[in-house]
PDB file of N, CA and C in Angstrom:
ATOM      1  N   MET A   1       0.773  -0.967   0.012  1.00  0.00           N
ATOM      2  CA  MET A   1      -0.097   0.109   0.024  1.00  0.00           C
ATOM      3  C   MET A   1       0.874   1.206   0.001  1.00  0.00           C
ATOM      4  N   ALA A   2       2.002   1.147   0.436  1.00  0.00           N
ATOM      5  CA  ALA A   2       3.000   2.413   0.246  1.00  0.00           C
ATOM      6  C   ALA A   2       3.183   2.864  -1.102  1.00  0.00           C
ATOM      7  N   ASN A   3       3.289   4.060  -1.304  1.00  0.00           N
ATOM      8  CA  ASN A   3       3.415   4.514  -2.488  1.00  0.00           C
ATOM      9  C   ASN A   3       2.122   4.301  -3.382  1.00  0.00           C
ATOM     10  N   ALA A   4       0.788   4.054  -2.738  1.00  0.00           N
ATOM     11  CA  ALA A   4      -0.232   4.017  -3.791  1.00  0.00           C
ATOM     12  C   ALA A   4      -0.503   5.244  -4.391  1.00  0.00           C
ATOM     13  N   LEU A   5      -0.334   6.411  -4.027  1.00  0.00           N
ATOM     14  CA  LEU A   5      -0.509   7.600  -4.783  1.00  0.00           C
ATOM     15  C   LEU A   5       0.268   7.643  -5.896  1.00  0.00           C
ATOM     16  N   LEU A   6       1.414   7.233  -6.000  1.00  0.00           N
ATOM     17  CA  LEU A   6       2.234   7.183  -7.078  1.00  0.00           C
ATOM     18  C   LEU A   6       1.875   5.954  -8.172  1.00  0.00           C
ATOM     19  N   GLU A   7       0.999   4.979  -7.737  1.00  0.00           N
ATOM     20  CA  GLU A   7       0.726   4.043  -8.660  1.00  0.00           C
ATOM     21  C   GLU A   7      -0.465   4.510  -9.416  1.00  0.00           C
ATOM     22  N   LYS A   8      -1.386   5.465  -8.827  1.00  0.00           N
ATOM     23  CA  LYS A   8      -2.600   5.814  -9.817  1.00  0.00           C
ATOM     24  C   LYS A   8      -2.225   6.946 -10.879  1.00  0.00           C
ATOM     25  N   ASP A   9      -3.037   7.068 -11.592  1.00  0.00           N
ATOM     26  CA  ASP A   9      -3.024   8.187 -12.579  1.00  0.00           C
ATOM     27  C   ASP A   9      -3.827   9.407 -11.992  1.00  0.00           C
ATOM     28  N   VAL A  10      -3.164  10.210 -11.106  1.00  0.00           N
ATOM     29  CA  VAL A  10      -3.741  11.574 -10.451  1.00  0.00           C
ATOM     30  C   VAL A  10      -3.838  12.415 -11.320  1.00  0.00           C
ATOM     31  N   LEU A  11      -5.075  13.036 -11.579  1.00  0.00           N
ATOM     32  CA  LEU A  11      -5.364  14.093 -12.502  1.00  0.00           C
ATOM     33  C   LEU A  11      -4.954  15.467 -11.692  1.00  0.00           C
ATOM     34  N   ARG A  12      -5.417  15.593 -10.489  1.00  0.00           N
ATOM     35  CA  ARG A  12      -5.250  16.787  -9.745  1.00  0.00           C
ATOM     36  C   ARG A  12      -4.718  16.439  -8.374  1.00  0.00           C
ATOM     37  N   TYR A  13      -3.531  17.102  -7.965  1.00  0.00           N
ATOM     38  CA  TYR A  13      -3.173  17.007  -6.580  1.00  0.00           C
ATOM     39  C   TYR A  13      -3.716  18.070  -5.853  1.00  0.00           C
ATOM     40  N   PRO A  14      -4.227  17.839  -4.403  1.00  0.00           N
ATOM     41  CA  PRO A  14      -4.808  18.870  -3.663  1.00  0.00           C
ATOM     42  C   PRO A  14      -3.886  19.890  -3.254  1.00  0.00           C
ATOM     43  N   ARG A  15      -4.345  21.216  -2.985  1.00  0.00           N
ATOM     44  CA  ARG A  15      -3.605  21.972  -2.327  1.00  0.00           C
ATOM     45  C   ARG A  15      -3.677  21.915  -0.789  1.00  0.00           C
ATOM     46  N   LEU A  16      -2.403  22.207  -0.062  1.00  0.00           N
ATOM     47  CA  LEU A  16      -2.252  22.354   1.345  1.00  0.00           C
ATOM     48  C   LEU A  16      -3.840  22.732   2.093  1.00  0.00           C
ATOM     49  N   ASP A  17      -4.123  23.977   1.577  1.00  0.00           N
ATOM     50  CA  ASP A  17      -5.294  24.401   2.395  1.00  0.00           C
ATOM     51  C   ASP A  17      -6.714  23.551   2.177  1.00  0.00           C
ATOM     52  N   THR A  18      -6.471  22.697   1.177  1.00  0.00           N
ATOM     53  CA  THR A  18      -7.708  21.793   0.965  1.00  0.00           C
ATOM     54  C   THR A  18      -7.478  20.625   1.701  1.00  0.00           C
ATOM     55  N   VAL A  19      -6.448  20.137   1.986  1.00  0.00           N
ATOM     56  CA  VAL A  19      -6.009  18.908   2.895  1.00  0.00           C
ATOM     57  C   VAL A  19      -6.270  19.233   4.199  1.00  0.00           C
ATOM     58  N   LEU A  20      -5.786  20.536   4.648  1.00  0.00           N
ATOM     59  CA  LEU A  20      -6.201  21.056   6.161  1.00  0.00           C
ATOM     60  C   LEU A  20      -7.637  21.103   6.304  1.00  0.00           C
ATOM     61  N   MET A  21      -8.334  21.716   5.328  1.00  0.00           N
ATOM     62  CA  MET A  21      -9.838  21.745   5.343  1.00  0.00           C
ATOM     63  C   MET A  21     -10.450  20.308   5.749  1.00  0.00           C
ATOM     64  N   VAL A  22     -10.004  19.428   4.968  1.00  0.00           N
ATOM     65  CA  VAL A  22     -10.717  18.062   4.926  1.00  0.00           C
ATOM     66  C   VAL A  22     -10.132  17.640   6.475  1.00  0.00           C
ATOM     67  N   GLU A  23      -8.978  17.630   7.011  1.00  0.00           N
ATOM     68  CA  GLU A  23      -8.614  17.277   8.233  1.00  0.00           C
ATOM     69  C   GLU A  23      -9.414  17.791   9.204  1.00  0.00           C
ATOM     70  N   ASP A  24      -9.504  19.032   9.350  1.00  0.00           N
ATOM     71  CA  ASP A  24     -10.256  19.764  10.220  1.00  0.00           C
ATOM     72  C   ASP A  24     -11.817  19.201  10.398  1.00  0.00           C
ATOM     73  N   PHE A  25     -12.362  19.086   9.300  1.00  0.00           N
ATOM     74  CA  PHE A  25     -13.669  18.301   9.301  1.00  0.00           C
ATOM     75  C   PHE A  25     -13.828  17.147   9.713  1.00  0.00           C
ATOM     76  N   ILE A  26     -12.761  16.254   9.488  1.00  0.00           N
ATOM     77  CA  ILE A  26     -12.806  14.848  10.151  1.00  0.00           C
ATOM     78  C   ILE A  26     -12.763  14.843  11.522  1.00  0.00           C
ATOM     79  N   LYS A  27     -11.698  15.961  12.025  1.00  0.00           N
ATOM     80  CA  LYS A  27     -11.677  16.004  13.334  1.00  0.00           C
ATOM     81  C   LYS A  27     -12.776  16.650  14.105  1.00  0.00           C
ATOM     82  N   LYS A  28     -13.538  17.466  13.591  1.00  0.00           N
ATOM     83  CA  LYS A  28     -14.929  17.946  14.120  1.00  0.00           C
ATOM     84  C   LYS A  28     -15.907  16.943  14.093  1.00  0.00           C
ATOM     85  N   HIS A  29     -16.007  16.126  12.889  1.00  0.00           N
ATOM     86  CA  HIS A  29     -17.110  15.216  12.763  1.00  0.00           C
ATOM     87  C   HIS A  29     -16.504  13.791  13.001  1.00  0.00           C
ATOM     88  N   ASP A  30     -15.715  13.471  13.902  1.00  0.00           N
ATOM     89  CA  ASP A  30     -15.195  12.256  14.109  1.00  0.00           C
ATOM     90  C   ASP A  30     -16.033  10.807  14.194  1.00  0.00           C
ATOM     91  N   GLY A  31     -15.953  10.327  13.204  1.00  0.00           N
ATOM     92  CA  GLY A  31     -16.810   9.002  13.338  1.00  0.00           C
ATOM     93  C   GLY A  31     -18.014   9.089  12.900  1.00  0.00           C
ATOM     94  N   GLU A  32     -18.688  10.123  12.312  1.00  0.00           N
ATOM     95  CA  GLU A  32     -19.984  10.352  11.952  1.00  0.00           C
ATOM     96  C   GLU A  32     -20.406   9.894  10.533  1.00  0.00           C
ATOM     97  N   PHE A  33     -19.210   9.895   9.546  1.00  0.00           N
ATOM     98  CA  PHE A  33     -19.570   9.745   8.141  1.00  0.00           C
ATOM     99  C   PHE A  33     -18.756   8.590   7.631  1.00  0.00           C
ATOM    100  N   LYS A  34     -19.505   8.301   6.747  1.00  0.00           N
ATOM    101  CA  LYS A  34     -18.744   7.324   5.519  1.00  0.00           C
ATOM    102  C   LYS A  34     -18.159   8.051   4.738  1.00  0.00           C
ATOM    103  N   LYS A  35     -17.037   7.444   3.786  1.00  0.00           N
ATOM    104  CA  LYS A  35     -16.395   8.224   2.714  1.00  0.00           C
ATOM    105  C   LYS A  35     -17.201   9.078   1.937  1.00  0.00           C
ATOM    106  N   LYS A  36     -18.012   8.805   1.053  1.00  0.00           N
ATOM    107  CA  LYS A  36     -18.820   9.696   0.152  1.00  0.00           C
ATOM    108  C   LYS A  36     -19.907  10.569   0.983  1.00  0.00           C
ATOM    109  N   ALA A  37     -20.141  10.262   2.237  1.00  0.00           N
ATOM    110  CA  ALA A  37     -21.171  11.083   2.875  1.00  0.00           C
ATOM    111  C   ALA A  37     -20.359  12.397   3.392  1.00  0.00           C
ATOM    112  N   LEU A  38     -19.043  11.964   3.720  1.00  0.00           N
ATOM    113  CA  LEU A  38     -18.058  12.930   4.170  1.00  0.00           C
ATOM    114  C   LEU A  38     -17.676  14.033   3.187  1.00  0.00           C
ATOM    115  N   TRP A  39     -17.564  13.334   2.069  1.00  0.00           N
ATOM    116  CA  TRP A  39     -17.182  14.033   0.760  1.00  0.00           C
ATOM    117  C   TRP A  39     -18.423  15.340   0.307  1.00  0.00           C
ATOM    118  N   GLU A  40     -19.694  14.697   0.419  1.00  0.00           N
ATOM    119  CA  GLU A  40     -20.752  15.443   0.101  1.00  0.00           C
ATOM    120  C   GLU A  40     -21.054  16.583   1.398  1.00  0.00           C
ATOM    121  N   HIS A  41     -20.587  16.399   2.319  1.00  0.00           N
ATOM    122  CA  HIS A  41     -20.870  17.326   3.607  1.00  0.00           C
ATOM    123  C   HIS A  41     -19.604  18.385   3.796  1.00  0.00           C
ATOM    124  N   LEU A  42     -18.532  18.435   3.067  1.00  0.00           N
ATOM    125  CA  LEU A  42     -17.458  19.332   2.986  1.00  0.00           C
ATOM    126  C   LEU A  42     -17.960  20.581   2.813  1.00  0.00           C
ATOM    127  N   PRO A  43     -17.428  21.512   3.590  1.00  0.00           N
ATOM    128  CA  PRO A  43     -17.728  23.031   3.417  1.00  0.00           C
ATOM    129  C   PRO A  43     -17.370  23.514   2.043  1.00  0.00           C
ATOM    130  N   LYS A  44     -16.315  22.862   1.384  1.00  0.00           N
ATOM    131  CA  LYS A  44     -15.943  23.409  -0.021  1.00  0.00           C
ATOM    132  C   LYS A  44     -15.814  22.283  -0.931  1.00  0.00           C
ATOM    133  N   LYS A  45     -16.379  22.299  -2.061  1.00  0.00           N
ATOM    134  CA  LYS A  45     -16.572  21.303  -2.969  1.00  0.00           C
ATOM    135  C   LYS A  45     -15.267  21.046  -3.757  1.00  0.00           C
ATOM    136  N   MET A  46     -14.894  19.806  -4.126  1.00  0.00           N
ATOM    137  CA  MET A  46     -13.938  19.454  -4.953  1.00  0.00           C
ATOM    138  C   MET A  46     -14.213  18.045  -5.581  1.00  0.00           C
ATOM    139  N   MET A  47     -13.353  17.899  -6.579  1.00  0.00           N
ATOM    140  CA  MET A  47     -13.702  16.681  -7.301  1.00  0.00           C
ATOM    141  C   MET A  47     -13.280  15.442  -6.478  1.00  0.00           C
ATOM    142  N   TYR A  48     -14.116  14.553  -6.687  1.00  0.00           N
ATOM    143  CA  TYR A  48     -14.191  13.087  -5.895  1.00  0.00           C
ATOM    144  C   TYR A  48     -12.812  12.680  -5.896  1.00  0.00           C
ATOM    145  N   GLN A  49     -11.996  12.538  -7.092  1.00  0.00           N
ATOM    146  CA  GLN A  49     -10.890  12.105  -7.294  1.00  0.00           C
ATOM    147  C   GLN A  49      -9.741  12.700  -6.429  1.00  0.00           C
ATOM    148  N   THR A  50      -9.921  14.059  -6.368  1.00  0.00           N
ATOM    149  CA  THR A  50      -9.030  14.692  -5.514  1.00  0.00           C
ATOM    150  C   THR A  50      -9.287  14.410  -3.991  1.00  0.00           C
ATOM    151  N   PHE A  51     -10.467  14.322  -3.727  1.00  0.00           N
ATOM    152  CA  PHE A  51     -10.947  14.075  -2.112  1.00  0.00           C
ATOM    153  C   PHE A  51     -10.105  12.384  -1.951  1.00  0.00           C
ATOM    154  N   CYS A  52     -10.483  11.608  -2.812  1.00  0.00           N
ATOM    155  CA  CYS A  52      -9.786  10.240  -2.600  1.00  0.00           C
ATOM    156  C   CYS A  52      -8.262  10.173  -2.519  1.00  0.00           C
ATOM    157  N   VAL A  53      -7.587  11.339  -3.150  1.00  0.00           N
ATOM    158  CA  VAL A  53      -6.143  11.488  -2.957  1.00  0.00           C
ATOM    159  C   VAL A  53      -5.780  11.791  -1.579  1.00  0.00           C
ATOM    160  N   ILE A  54      -6.693  12.715  -1.147  1.00  0.00           N
ATOM    161  CA  ILE A  54      -6.529  13.291   0.283  1.00  0.00           C
ATOM    162  C   ILE A  54      -6.890  12.112   1.394  1.00  0.00           C
ATOM    163  N   MET A  55      -7.780  11.340   1.089  1.00  0.00           N
ATOM    164  CA  MET A  55      -8.112  10.199   1.989  1.00  0.00           C
ATOM    165  C   MET A  55      -7.163   9.216   2.056  1.00  0.00           C
ATOM    166  N   SER A  56      -6.554   8.828   0.872  1.00  0.00           N
ATOM    167  CA  SER A  56      -5.298   7.906   0.778  1.00  0.00           C
ATOM    168  C   SER A  56      -4.153   8.384   1.648  1.00  0.00           C
ATOM    169  N   TYR A  57      -3.910   9.832   1.418  1.00  0.00           N
ATOM    170  CA  TYR A  57      -2.863  10.195   2.040  1.00  0.00           C
ATOM    171  C   TYR A  57      -2.964  10.199   3.600  1.00  0.00           C
ATOM    172  N   LEU A  58      -4.349  10.514   4.224  1.00  0.00           N
ATOM    173  CA  LEU A  58      -4.609  10.496   5.509  1.00  0.00           C
ATOM    174  C   LEU A  58      -4.417   9.196   6.063  1.00  0.00           C
ATOM    175  N   LEU A  59      -4.924   8.111   5.365  1.00  0.00           N
ATOM    176  CA  LEU A  59      -5.076   6.897   6.003  1.00  0.00           C
ATOM    177  C   LEU A  59      -3.591   6.186   5.940  1.00  0.00           C
ATOM    178  N   GLU A  60      -2.861   6.485   4.742  1.00  0.00           N
ATOM    179  CA  GLU A  60      -1.366   6.032   4.834  1.00  0.00           C
ATOM    180  C   GLU A  60      -0.302   6.703   5.780  1.00  0.00           C
ATOM    181  N   SER A  61      -0.568   7.848   6.201  1.00  0.00           N
ATOM    182  CA  SER A  61       0.124   8.552   7.240  1.00  0.00           C
ATOM    183  C   SER A  61      -0.388   8.225   8.787  1.00  0.00           C
ATOM    184  N   GLY A  62      -1.408   7.497   8.756  1.00  0.00           N
ATOM    185  CA  GLY A  62      -1.887   7.132  10.095  1.00  0.00           C
ATOM    186  C   GLY A  62      -2.632   8.150  10.917  1.00  0.00           C
ATOM    187  N   LYS A  63      -3.217   9.220  10.219  1.00  0.00           N
ATOM    188  CA  LYS A  63      -3.981  10.021  10.659  1.00  0.00           C
ATOM    189  C   LYS A  63      -5.538   9.831  10.914  1.00  0.00           C
ATOM    190  N   ILE A  64      -6.242   9.061  10.073  1.00  0.00           N
ATOM    191  CA  ILE A  64      -7.476   8.629  10.069  1.00  0.00           C
ATOM    192  C   ILE A  64      -7.443   7.041  10.204  1.00  0.00           C
ATOM    193  N   SER A  65      -8.735   6.463  10.540  1.00  0.00           N
ATOM    194  CA  SER A  65      -8.939   5.258  10.261  1.00  0.00           C
ATOM    195  C   SER A  65     -10.500   4.847   9.772  1.00  0.00           C
ATOM    196  N   VAL A  66     -10.821   3.633   9.535  1.00  0.00           N
ATOM    197  CA  VAL A  66     -11.953   3.208   8.910  1.00  0.00           C
ATOM    198  C   VAL A  66     -12.341   2.139   9.909  1.00  0.00           C
ATOM    199  N   ASP A  67     -13.622   2.361  10.566  1.00  0.00           N
ATOM    200  CA  ASP A  67     -14.127   1.419  11.455  1.00  0.00           C
ATOM    201  C   ASP A  67     -14.964   0.408  10.718  1.00  0.00           C
ATOM    202  N   ALA A  68     -15.478  -0.557  11.522  1.00  0.00           N
ATOM    203  CA  ALA A  68     -15.968  -1.731  10.887  1.00  0.00           C
ATOM    204  C   ALA A  68     -17.487  -1.267   9.948  1.00  0.00           C
ATOM    205  N   GLU A  69     -17.938  -0.240  10.618  1.00  0.00           N
ATOM    206  CA  GLU A  69     -19.129   0.372   9.715  1.00  0.00           C
ATOM    207  C   GLU A  69     -18.608   1.271   8.565  1.00  0.00           C
ATOM    208  N   ASP A  70     -17.307   1.472   8.433  1.00  0.00           N
ATOM    209  CA  ASP A  70     -16.667   2.170   7.045  1.00  0.00           C
ATOM    210  C   ASP A  70     -16.980   3.788   7.417  1.00  0.00           C
ATOM    211  N   LYS A  71     -16.972   3.902   8.723  1.00  0.00           N
ATOM    212  CA  LYS A  71     -16.813   5.229   8.997  1.00  0.00           C
ATOM    213  C   LYS A  71     -15.660   5.799   9.357  1.00  0.00           C
ATOM    214  N   ILE A  72     -15.254   7.290   8.945  1.00  0.00           N
ATOM    215  CA  ILE A  72     -13.984   7.751   9.011  1.00  0.00           C
ATOM    216  C   ILE A  72     -13.738   8.298  10.447  1.00  0.00           C
ATOM    217  N   GLY A  73     -12.695   7.958  11.044  1.00  0.00           N
ATOM    218  CA  GLY A  73     -12.356   8.583  12.412  1.00  0.00           C
ATOM    219  C   GLY A  73     -10.951   9.209  12.420  1.00  0.00           C
ATOM    220  N   TRP A  74     -10.715  10.336  13.216  1.00  0.00           N
ATOM    221  CA  TRP A  74      -9.512  10.740  13.314  1.00  0.00           C
ATOM    222  C   TRP A  74      -8.835  10.098  14.516  1.00  0.00           C
ATOM    223  N   ILE A  75      -7.355   9.714  14.355  1.00  0.00           N
ATOM    224  CA  ILE A  75      -6.657   8.870  15.355  1.00  0.00           C
ATOM    225  C   ILE A  75      -5.466   9.613  15.584  1.00  0.00           C
ATOM    226  N   TYR A  76      -4.936  10.607  14.867  1.00  0.00           N
ATOM    227  CA  TYR A  76      -3.609  11.159  15.121  1.00  0.00           C
ATOM    228  C   TYR A  76      -4.028  12.204  16.075  1.00  0.00           C
ATOM    229  N   TYR A  77      -3.429  12.185  17.292  1.00  0.00           N
ATOM    230  CA  TYR A  77      -3.352  13.320  18.249  1.00  0.00           C
ATOM    231  C   TYR A  77      -2.018  13.453  18.895  1.00  0.00           C
ATOM    232  N   GLN A  78      -1.463  14.635  18.247  1.00  0.00           N
ATOM    233  CA  GLN A  78      -0.019  14.938  18.344  1.00  0.00           C
ATOM    234  C   GLN A  78       0.453  15.264  19.700  1.00  0.00           C
ATOM    235  N   ASP A  79      -0.382  15.756  20.548  1.00  0.00           N
ATOM    236  CA  ASP A  79       0.091  15.889  21.907  1.00  0.00           C
ATOM    237  C   ASP A  79       0.115  14.710  22.960  1.00  0.00           C
ATOM    238  N   ARG A  80      -0.673  13.731  22.179  1.00  0.00           N
ATOM    239  CA  ARG A  80      -0.643  12.399  22.887  1.00  0.00           C
ATOM    240  C   ARG A  80       0.749  11.462  22.413  1.00  0.00           C
ATOM    241  N   ALA A  81       0.894  11.612  21.144  1.00  0.00           N
ATOM    242  CA  ALA A  81       2.028  11.079  20.603  1.00  0.00           C
ATOM    243  C   ALA A  81       3.162  11.347  21.057  1.00  0.00           C
ATOM    244  N   GLU A  82       3.485  12.787  21.363  1.00  0.00           N
ATOM    245  CA  GLU A  82       4.731  13.452  21.890  1.00  0.00           C
ATOM    246  C   GLU A  82       4.807  12.797  23.411  1.00  0.00           C
ATOM    247  N   ALA A  83       3.624  12.670  24.142  1.00  0.00           N
ATOM    248  CA  ALA A  83       3.678  12.771  25.756  1.00  0.00           C
ATOM    249  C   ALA A  83       4.286  11.103  25.634  1.00  0.00           C
ATOM    250  N   TRP A  84       3.729   9.890  24.670  1.00  0.00           N
ATOM    251  CA  TRP A  84       3.917   8.869  24.632  1.00  0.00           C
ATOM    252  C   TRP A  84       5.365   8.559  24.217  1.00  0.00           C
ATOM    253  N   ALA A  85       5.851   9.291  23.553  1.00  0.00           N
ATOM    254  CA  ALA A  85       7.257   9.215  22.961  1.00  0.00           C
ATOM    255  C   ALA A  85       8.192   9.589  24.118  1.00  0.00           C
ATOM    256  N   LYS A  86       7.770  10.410  25.096  1.00  0.00           N
ATOM    257  CA  LYS A  86       8.902  10.778  26.025  1.00  0.00           C
ATOM    258  C   LYS A  86       8.873   9.968  27.200  1.00  0.00           C
ATOM    259  N   ARG A  87       7.905   8.819  27.296  1.00  0.00           N
ATOM    260  CA  ARG A  87       7.779   7.916  28.566  1.00  0.00           C
ATOM    261  C   ARG A  87       8.957   6.904  28.159  1.00  0.00           C
ATOM    262  N   THR A  88       9.797   6.630  29.382  1.00  0.00           N
ATOM    263  CA  THR A  88      10.879   5.716  29.090  1.00  0.00           C
ATOM    264  C   THR A  88      10.477   4.231  29.202  1.00  0.00           C
ATOM    265  N   ASP A  89       9.078   4.094  30.099  1.00  0.00           N
ATOM    266  CA  ASP A  89       8.419   2.673  30.167  1.00  0.00           C
ATOM    267  C   ASP A  89       8.201   2.217  28.628  1.00  0.00           C
ATOM    268  N   LEU A  90       7.984   2.937  27.766  1.00  0.00           N
ATOM    269  CA  LEU A  90       7.512   2.454  26.410  1.00  0.00           C
ATOM    270  C   LEU A  90       8.606   2.534  25.584  1.00  0.00           C
ATOM    271  N   ALA A  91       9.298   1.435  25.045  1.00  0.00           N
ATOM    272  CA  ALA A  91      10.194   1.550  24.378  1.00  0.00           C
ATOM    273  C   ALA A  91      10.409   0.326  23.555  1.00  0.00           C
ATOM    274  N   TRP A  92      11.074   0.231  22.351  1.00  0.00           N
ATOM    275  CA  TRP A  92      11.255  -0.783  21.267  1.00  0.00           C
ATOM    276  C   TRP A  92      12.161  -1.923  21.879  1.00  0.00           C
ATOM    277  N   ARG A  93      11.854  -3.032  21.909  1.00  0.00           N
ATOM    278  CA  ARG A  93      12.433  -4.268  22.616  1.00  0.00           C
ATOM    279  C   ARG A  93      13.578  -4.513  21.655  1.00  0.00           C
ATOM    280  N   LYS A  94      14.831  -5.064  22.067  1.00  0.00           N
ATOM    281  CA  LYS A  94      15.775  -5.460  20.921  1.00  0.00           C
ATOM    282  C   LYS A  94      15.738  -6.798  21.010  1.00  0.00           C
TER     283      LYS A  94
END
């Protein structure tokens, strides 16, 4: 699944403000929408293919997850990740 964005014929790559808008919308509506419903409820309209590129990026980067009902949820909380990274009792075993 790595480099899935490079394997597709992408017609239009999203701008950063568009990616951030989708991220913010998912954070506010965590677990409420499935993929197509999420796209339909976004505050700014975009091509579905561009939306799919954003969703692929967010999924591959570990920022979102899809539950058993196919609903999209936000799972990346930077403050928690930084706090866990500082804990000495959580480390990779050799």
